[in-house]
Amino acid sequence: QVPLVESGGGLVQAGGSLRLSCVVSGRTFGTYGVGWFRHPPGKERAIVAGIPWSGGSIYYADSVKGRFAISRDNTKNTVYLQMNSLKPEDTAVYYCNANRGAAQYWGQGTQVTVSS
């Protein structure tokens, strides 16, 4: 198991910003792809953004392009999600993911609520 601990969620007004953080335990963080998923109420969990272990080819869901930015700091075993220009439809539980090959690890989730 690879423990992941998220933080940074909360309640924000539309147009506001939040930054999510996820600390990944272990000494091989640099070998994992990392990403953020979200699970809106009444919908399926879906990927928001992801970075491969090599750091290239960052992926963003169309709905967040230009507003969200994912980054990783391998010296701190941490992945971030900077969320700007938040909309009510961004309301969801956000989950951090670390993956290597077939192995997938998840955080406990952090609630993000955007009020209109």
N, C-alpha and C. Protein backbone atom coordinates (compact mmCIF):
# COMPACT_ATOMS: atom_id res chain seq x y z
N GLN A 1 0.82 -1.19 0.00
CA GLN A 1 0.00 0.00 0.00
C GLN A 1 0.86 1.25 0.00
N VAL A 2 0.34 2.27 -0.65
CA VAL A 2 1.00 3.57 -0.68
C VAL A 2 0.01 4.59 -0.15
N PRO A 3 0.18 5.03 1.08
CA PRO A 3 -0.77 6.01 1.63
C PRO A 3 -0.69 7.35 0.92
N LEU A 4 -1.87 7.92 0.62
CA LEU A 4 -1.98 9.24 0.03
C LEU A 4 -2.87 10.08 0.93
N VAL A 5 -2.45 11.29 1.25
CA VAL A 5 -3.23 12.16 2.12
C VAL A 5 -3.46 13.50 1.43
N GLU A 6 -4.75 13.78 1.16
CA GLU A 6 -5.12 15.03 0.49
C GLU A 6 -5.46 16.10 1.51
N SER A 7 -5.34 17.34 1.08
CA SER A 7 -5.76 18.48 1.89
C SER A 7 -6.07 19.65 0.96
N GLY A 8 -6.76 20.65 1.50
CA GLY A 8 -6.99 21.87 0.74
C GLY A 8 -8.40 22.08 0.24
N GLY A 9 -9.28 21.12 0.43
CA GLY A 9 -10.65 21.31 -0.01
C GLY A 9 -11.38 22.30 0.87
N GLY A 10 -12.61 22.63 0.48
CA GLY A 10 -13.39 23.56 1.27
C GLY A 10 -14.52 24.16 0.48
N LEU A 11 -15.09 25.22 1.04
CA LEU A 11 -16.20 25.94 0.42
C LEU A 11 -15.67 27.25 -0.14
N VAL A 12 -16.03 27.52 -1.39
CA VAL A 12 -15.57 28.74 -2.04
C VAL A 12 -16.68 29.27 -2.93
N GLN A 13 -16.70 30.56 -3.14
CA GLN A 13 -17.68 31.15 -4.04
C GLN A 13 -17.24 30.98 -5.49
N ALA A 14 -18.20 30.97 -6.37
CA ALA A 14 -17.90 30.89 -7.80
C ALA A 14 -16.94 32.00 -8.19
N GLY A 15 -15.95 31.64 -9.01
CA GLY A 15 -14.92 32.58 -9.41
C GLY A 15 -13.69 32.54 -8.52
N GLY A 16 -13.80 31.87 -7.39
CA GLY A 16 -12.69 31.79 -6.46
C GLY A 16 -11.69 30.71 -6.82
N SER A 17 -10.71 30.53 -5.94
CA SER A 17 -9.62 29.58 -6.17
C SER A 17 -9.39 28.71 -4.94
N LEU A 18 -8.90 27.52 -5.19
CA LEU A 18 -8.45 26.61 -4.14
C LEU A 18 -7.23 25.87 -4.66
N ARG A 19 -6.36 25.44 -3.74
CA ARG A 19 -5.25 24.57 -4.13
C ARG A 19 -5.31 23.31 -3.29
N LEU A 20 -5.40 22.19 -3.98
CA LEU A 20 -5.38 20.89 -3.33
C LEU A 20 -3.95 20.36 -3.29
N SER A 21 -3.62 19.68 -2.22
CA SER A 21 -2.31 19.04 -2.08
C SER A 21 -2.50 17.57 -1.76
N CYS A 22 -1.55 16.77 -2.18
CA CYS A 22 -1.60 15.33 -1.89
C CYS A 22 -0.18 14.86 -1.61
N VAL A 23 0.04 14.38 -0.41
CA VAL A 23 1.34 13.84 -0.04
C VAL A 23 1.30 12.32 -0.20
N VAL A 24 2.26 11.81 -0.93
CA VAL A 24 2.35 10.38 -1.22
C VAL A 24 3.50 9.79 -0.41
N SER A 25 3.19 8.83 0.45
CA SER A 25 4.23 8.24 1.29
C SER A 25 5.14 7.33 0.48
N GLY A 26 6.37 7.19 0.94
CA GLY A 26 7.29 6.28 0.30
C GLY A 26 8.46 7.00 -0.36
N ARG A 27 9.44 6.21 -0.77
CA ARG A 27 10.67 6.79 -1.32
C ARG A 27 10.77 6.66 -2.82
N THR A 28 9.66 6.21 -3.46
CA THR A 28 9.70 6.03 -4.91
C THR A 28 8.66 6.89 -5.61
N PHE A 29 8.34 8.04 -5.02
CA PHE A 29 7.31 8.91 -5.58
C PHE A 29 7.61 9.26 -7.03
N GLY A 30 8.86 9.47 -7.36
CA GLY A 30 9.23 9.88 -8.71
C GLY A 30 8.94 8.84 -9.77
N THR A 31 8.67 7.61 -9.38
CA THR A 31 8.39 6.54 -10.34
C THR A 31 6.90 6.36 -10.59
N TYR A 32 6.07 7.17 -9.93
CA TYR A 32 4.61 7.04 -10.07
C TYR A 32 4.05 8.12 -10.97
N GLY A 33 3.10 7.75 -11.80
CA GLY A 33 2.23 8.74 -12.40
C GLY A 33 1.27 9.22 -11.32
N VAL A 34 0.86 10.48 -11.38
CA VAL A 34 -0.06 11.01 -10.37
C VAL A 34 -1.16 11.79 -11.06
N GLY A 35 -2.27 11.88 -10.37
CA GLY A 35 -3.39 12.60 -10.97
C GLY A 35 -4.46 12.93 -9.95
N TRP A 36 -5.42 13.69 -10.39
CA TRP A 36 -6.59 14.05 -9.60
C TRP A 36 -7.85 13.61 -10.34
N PHE A 37 -8.76 13.01 -9.59
CA PHE A 37 -10.07 12.63 -10.08
C PHE A 37 -11.10 13.36 -9.23
N ARG A 38 -12.33 13.41 -9.74
CA ARG A 38 -13.39 13.97 -8.92
C ARG A 38 -14.68 13.19 -9.11
N HIS A 39 -15.50 13.20 -8.06
CA HIS A 39 -16.75 12.46 -8.05
C HIS A 39 -17.85 13.43 -7.68
N PRO A 40 -18.52 14.01 -8.69
CA PRO A 40 -19.62 14.94 -8.39
C PRO A 40 -20.85 14.19 -7.89
N PRO A 41 -21.73 14.82 -7.16
CA PRO A 41 -22.93 14.15 -6.68
C PRO A 41 -23.79 13.67 -7.83
N GLY A 42 -24.17 12.39 -7.79
CA GLY A 42 -25.03 11.82 -8.80
C GLY A 42 -24.34 11.47 -10.11
N LYS A 43 -23.02 11.59 -10.15
CA LYS A 43 -22.29 11.28 -11.39
C LYS A 43 -21.17 10.29 -11.09
N GLU A 44 -20.51 9.83 -12.17
CA GLU A 44 -19.40 8.91 -12.01
C GLU A 44 -18.11 9.67 -11.69
N ARG A 45 -17.18 8.97 -11.05
CA ARG A 45 -15.87 9.55 -10.82
C ARG A 45 -15.14 9.64 -12.15
N ALA A 46 -14.45 10.76 -12.38
CA ALA A 46 -13.77 10.98 -13.65
C ALA A 46 -12.45 11.71 -13.41
N ILE A 47 -11.52 11.51 -14.33
CA ILE A 47 -10.22 12.15 -14.20
C ILE A 47 -10.34 13.65 -14.47
N VAL A 48 -9.58 14.42 -13.70
CA VAL A 48 -9.50 15.87 -13.87
C VAL A 48 -8.18 16.24 -14.55
N ALA A 49 -7.09 15.69 -14.03
CA ALA A 49 -5.77 16.01 -14.57
C ALA A 49 -4.80 14.92 -14.16
N GLY A 50 -3.72 14.75 -14.96
CA GLY A 50 -2.74 13.73 -14.63
C GLY A 50 -1.37 14.06 -15.18
N ILE A 51 -0.35 13.63 -14.47
CA ILE A 51 1.04 13.79 -14.90
C ILE A 51 1.70 12.43 -14.87
N PRO A 52 2.33 11.99 -15.95
CA PRO A 52 3.04 10.71 -15.92
C PRO A 52 4.31 10.84 -15.07
N TRP A 53 4.92 9.70 -14.75
CA TRP A 53 6.09 9.73 -13.88
C TRP A 53 7.22 10.54 -14.49
N SER A 54 7.27 10.59 -15.84
CA SER A 54 8.34 11.31 -16.53
C SER A 54 8.14 12.83 -16.48
N GLY A 55 6.94 13.27 -16.10
CA GLY A 55 6.67 14.70 -16.03
C GLY A 55 6.17 15.31 -17.31
N GLY A 56 6.14 14.59 -18.41
CA GLY A 56 5.69 15.14 -19.68
C GLY A 56 4.23 14.83 -19.95
N SER A 57 3.69 15.37 -21.06
CA SER A 57 2.35 15.05 -21.54
C SER A 57 1.29 15.15 -20.45
N ILE A 58 1.16 16.31 -19.85
CA ILE A 58 0.15 16.52 -18.83
C ILE A 58 -1.24 16.48 -19.47
N TYR A 59 -2.17 15.80 -18.80
CA TYR A 59 -3.54 15.66 -19.31
C TYR A 59 -4.49 16.50 -18.47
N TYR A 60 -5.42 17.16 -19.15
CA TYR A 60 -6.52 17.87 -18.48
C TYR A 60 -7.83 17.48 -19.14
N ALA A 61 -8.85 17.29 -18.32
CA ALA A 61 -10.19 17.14 -18.85
C ALA A 61 -10.61 18.45 -19.51
N ASP A 62 -11.40 18.34 -20.57
CA ASP A 62 -11.80 19.55 -21.31
C ASP A 62 -12.49 20.57 -20.40
N SER A 63 -13.22 20.08 -19.43
CA SER A 63 -14.01 20.97 -18.58
C SER A 63 -13.16 21.86 -17.67
N VAL A 64 -11.87 21.52 -17.51
CA VAL A 64 -11.02 22.31 -16.59
C VAL A 64 -9.84 22.97 -17.29
N LYS A 65 -9.68 22.73 -18.58
CA LYS A 65 -8.56 23.32 -19.31
C LYS A 65 -8.58 24.84 -19.20
N GLY A 66 -7.43 25.41 -18.92
CA GLY A 66 -7.33 26.86 -18.78
C GLY A 66 -7.68 27.38 -17.40
N ARG A 67 -8.25 26.53 -16.56
CA ARG A 67 -8.64 26.96 -15.20
C ARG A 67 -7.85 26.22 -14.11
N PHE A 68 -7.55 24.96 -14.34
CA PHE A 68 -6.85 24.13 -13.35
C PHE A 68 -5.43 23.87 -13.83
N ALA A 69 -4.53 23.68 -12.87
CA ALA A 69 -3.15 23.34 -13.18
C ALA A 69 -2.65 22.30 -12.19
N ILE A 70 -2.15 21.19 -12.73
CA ILE A 70 -1.58 20.14 -11.89
C ILE A 70 -0.06 20.26 -11.92
N SER A 71 0.56 19.99 -10.79
CA SER A 71 2.01 20.01 -10.73
C SER A 71 2.47 19.00 -9.68
N ARG A 72 3.75 18.66 -9.75
CA ARG A 72 4.30 17.73 -8.77
C ARG A 72 5.64 18.23 -8.29
N ASP A 73 5.94 17.97 -7.04
CA ASP A 73 7.24 18.30 -6.45
C ASP A 73 7.83 17.00 -5.92
N ASN A 74 8.74 16.44 -6.67
CA ASN A 74 9.29 15.14 -6.28
C ASN A 74 10.15 15.23 -5.02
N THR A 75 10.62 16.42 -4.68
CA THR A 75 11.42 16.58 -3.46
C THR A 75 10.54 16.54 -2.21
N LYS A 76 9.25 16.79 -2.39
CA LYS A 76 8.31 16.80 -1.26
C LYS A 76 7.28 15.68 -1.35
N ASN A 77 7.43 14.79 -2.34
CA ASN A 77 6.45 13.70 -2.53
C ASN A 77 5.02 14.24 -2.60
N THR A 78 4.84 15.35 -3.28
CA THR A 78 3.55 16.03 -3.27
C THR A 78 3.09 16.37 -4.68
N VAL A 79 1.80 16.20 -4.90
CA VAL A 79 1.16 16.62 -6.14
C VAL A 79 0.11 17.66 -5.78
N TYR A 80 0.01 18.69 -6.61
CA TYR A 80 -0.88 19.80 -6.36
C TYR A 80 -1.91 19.93 -7.47
N LEU A 81 -3.04 20.52 -7.13
CA LEU A 81 -4.03 20.91 -8.14
C LEU A 81 -4.46 22.34 -7.81
N GLN A 82 -4.00 23.27 -8.61
CA GLN A 82 -4.42 24.66 -8.47
C GLN A 82 -5.69 24.85 -9.27
N MET A 83 -6.75 25.28 -8.60
CA MET A 83 -8.05 25.42 -9.24
C MET A 83 -8.47 26.88 -9.19
N ASN A 84 -8.59 27.49 -10.36
CA ASN A 84 -8.98 28.89 -10.48
C ASN A 84 -10.31 29.01 -11.20
N SER A 85 -10.93 30.17 -11.09
CA SER A 85 -12.21 30.44 -11.77
C SER A 85 -13.20 29.30 -11.52
N LEU A 86 -13.32 28.92 -10.28
CA LEU A 86 -14.18 27.77 -9.94
C LEU A 86 -15.64 28.04 -10.25
N LYS A 87 -16.31 26.97 -10.65
CA LYS A 87 -17.73 27.04 -11.02
C LYS A 87 -18.51 26.09 -10.12
N PRO A 88 -19.81 26.33 -9.95
CA PRO A 88 -20.61 25.39 -9.15
C PRO A 88 -20.52 23.95 -9.64
N GLU A 89 -20.36 23.77 -10.93
CA GLU A 89 -20.26 22.40 -11.46
C GLU A 89 -18.93 21.72 -11.13
N ASP A 90 -18.00 22.45 -10.54
CA ASP A 90 -16.76 21.84 -10.05
C ASP A 90 -16.95 21.18 -8.68
N THR A 91 -18.12 21.36 -8.08
CA THR A 91 -18.40 20.77 -6.79
C THR A 91 -18.31 19.25 -6.86
N ALA A 92 -17.50 18.66 -6.01
CA ALA A 92 -17.27 17.22 -6.04
C ALA A 92 -16.35 16.83 -4.88
N VAL A 93 -16.23 15.53 -4.66
CA VAL A 93 -15.15 15.01 -3.82
C VAL A 93 -13.97 14.77 -4.76
N TYR A 94 -12.83 15.34 -4.42
CA TYR A 94 -11.64 15.22 -5.24
C TYR A 94 -10.70 14.17 -4.63
N TYR A 95 -10.21 13.28 -5.48
CA TYR A 95 -9.35 12.19 -5.05
C TYR A 95 -7.99 12.28 -5.73
N CYS A 96 -6.96 12.07 -4.96
CA CYS A 96 -5.60 11.97 -5.49
C CYS A 96 -5.35 10.52 -5.89
N ASN A 97 -4.62 10.33 -6.98
CA ASN A 97 -4.31 8.99 -7.47
C ASN A 97 -2.82 8.90 -7.77
N ALA A 98 -2.23 7.77 -7.40
CA ALA A 98 -0.85 7.46 -7.78
C ALA A 98 -0.87 6.10 -8.48
N ASN A 99 -0.15 5.97 -9.57
CA ASN A 99 -0.21 4.73 -10.33
C ASN A 99 1.16 4.38 -10.89
N ARG A 100 1.41 3.06 -10.92
CA ARG A 100 2.63 2.54 -11.53
C ARG A 100 2.30 1.17 -12.08
N GLY A 101 2.34 1.04 -13.38
CA GLY A 101 1.92 -0.20 -14.00
C GLY A 101 0.45 -0.44 -13.71
N ALA A 102 0.13 -1.64 -13.24
CA ALA A 102 -1.26 -1.99 -12.93
C ALA A 102 -1.68 -1.54 -11.53
N ALA A 103 -0.76 -1.05 -10.74
CA ALA A 103 -1.06 -0.66 -9.36
C ALA A 103 -1.66 0.74 -9.32
N GLN A 104 -2.77 0.86 -8.57
CA GLN A 104 -3.46 2.14 -8.40
C GLN A 104 -3.65 2.39 -6.91
N TYR A 105 -3.34 3.60 -6.48
CA TYR A 105 -3.51 3.96 -5.08
C TYR A 105 -4.32 5.25 -5.01
N TRP A 106 -5.17 5.34 -3.96
CA TRP A 106 -6.09 6.45 -3.85
C TRP A 106 -6.01 7.09 -2.47
N GLY A 107 -6.26 8.40 -2.45
CA GLY A 107 -6.44 9.09 -1.19
C GLY A 107 -7.86 8.94 -0.70
N GLN A 108 -8.14 9.53 0.45
CA GLN A 108 -9.45 9.39 1.08
C GLN A 108 -10.47 10.36 0.50
N GLY A 109 -10.01 11.34 -0.24
CA GLY A 109 -10.91 12.32 -0.86
C GLY A 109 -11.02 13.58 -0.03
N THR A 110 -11.22 14.68 -0.72
CA THR A 110 -11.44 15.96 -0.05
C THR A 110 -12.58 16.69 -0.77
N GLN A 111 -13.50 17.23 0.01
CA GLN A 111 -14.70 17.85 -0.56
C GLN A 111 -14.39 19.27 -1.03
N VAL A 112 -14.81 19.56 -2.24
CA VAL A 112 -14.76 20.92 -2.78
C VAL A 112 -16.19 21.33 -3.12
N THR A 113 -16.64 22.42 -2.53
CA THR A 113 -17.98 22.92 -2.77
C THR A 113 -17.89 24.36 -3.28
N VAL A 114 -18.48 24.60 -4.44
CA VAL A 114 -18.46 25.93 -5.04
C VAL A 114 -19.87 26.48 -5.03
N SER A 115 -20.08 27.57 -4.33
CA SER A 115 -21.41 28.17 -4.24
C SER A 115 -21.59 29.22 -5.34
N SER A 116 -22.84 29.36 -5.78
CA SER A 116 -23.12 30.31 -6.87
C SER A 116 -23.44 31.69 -6.31
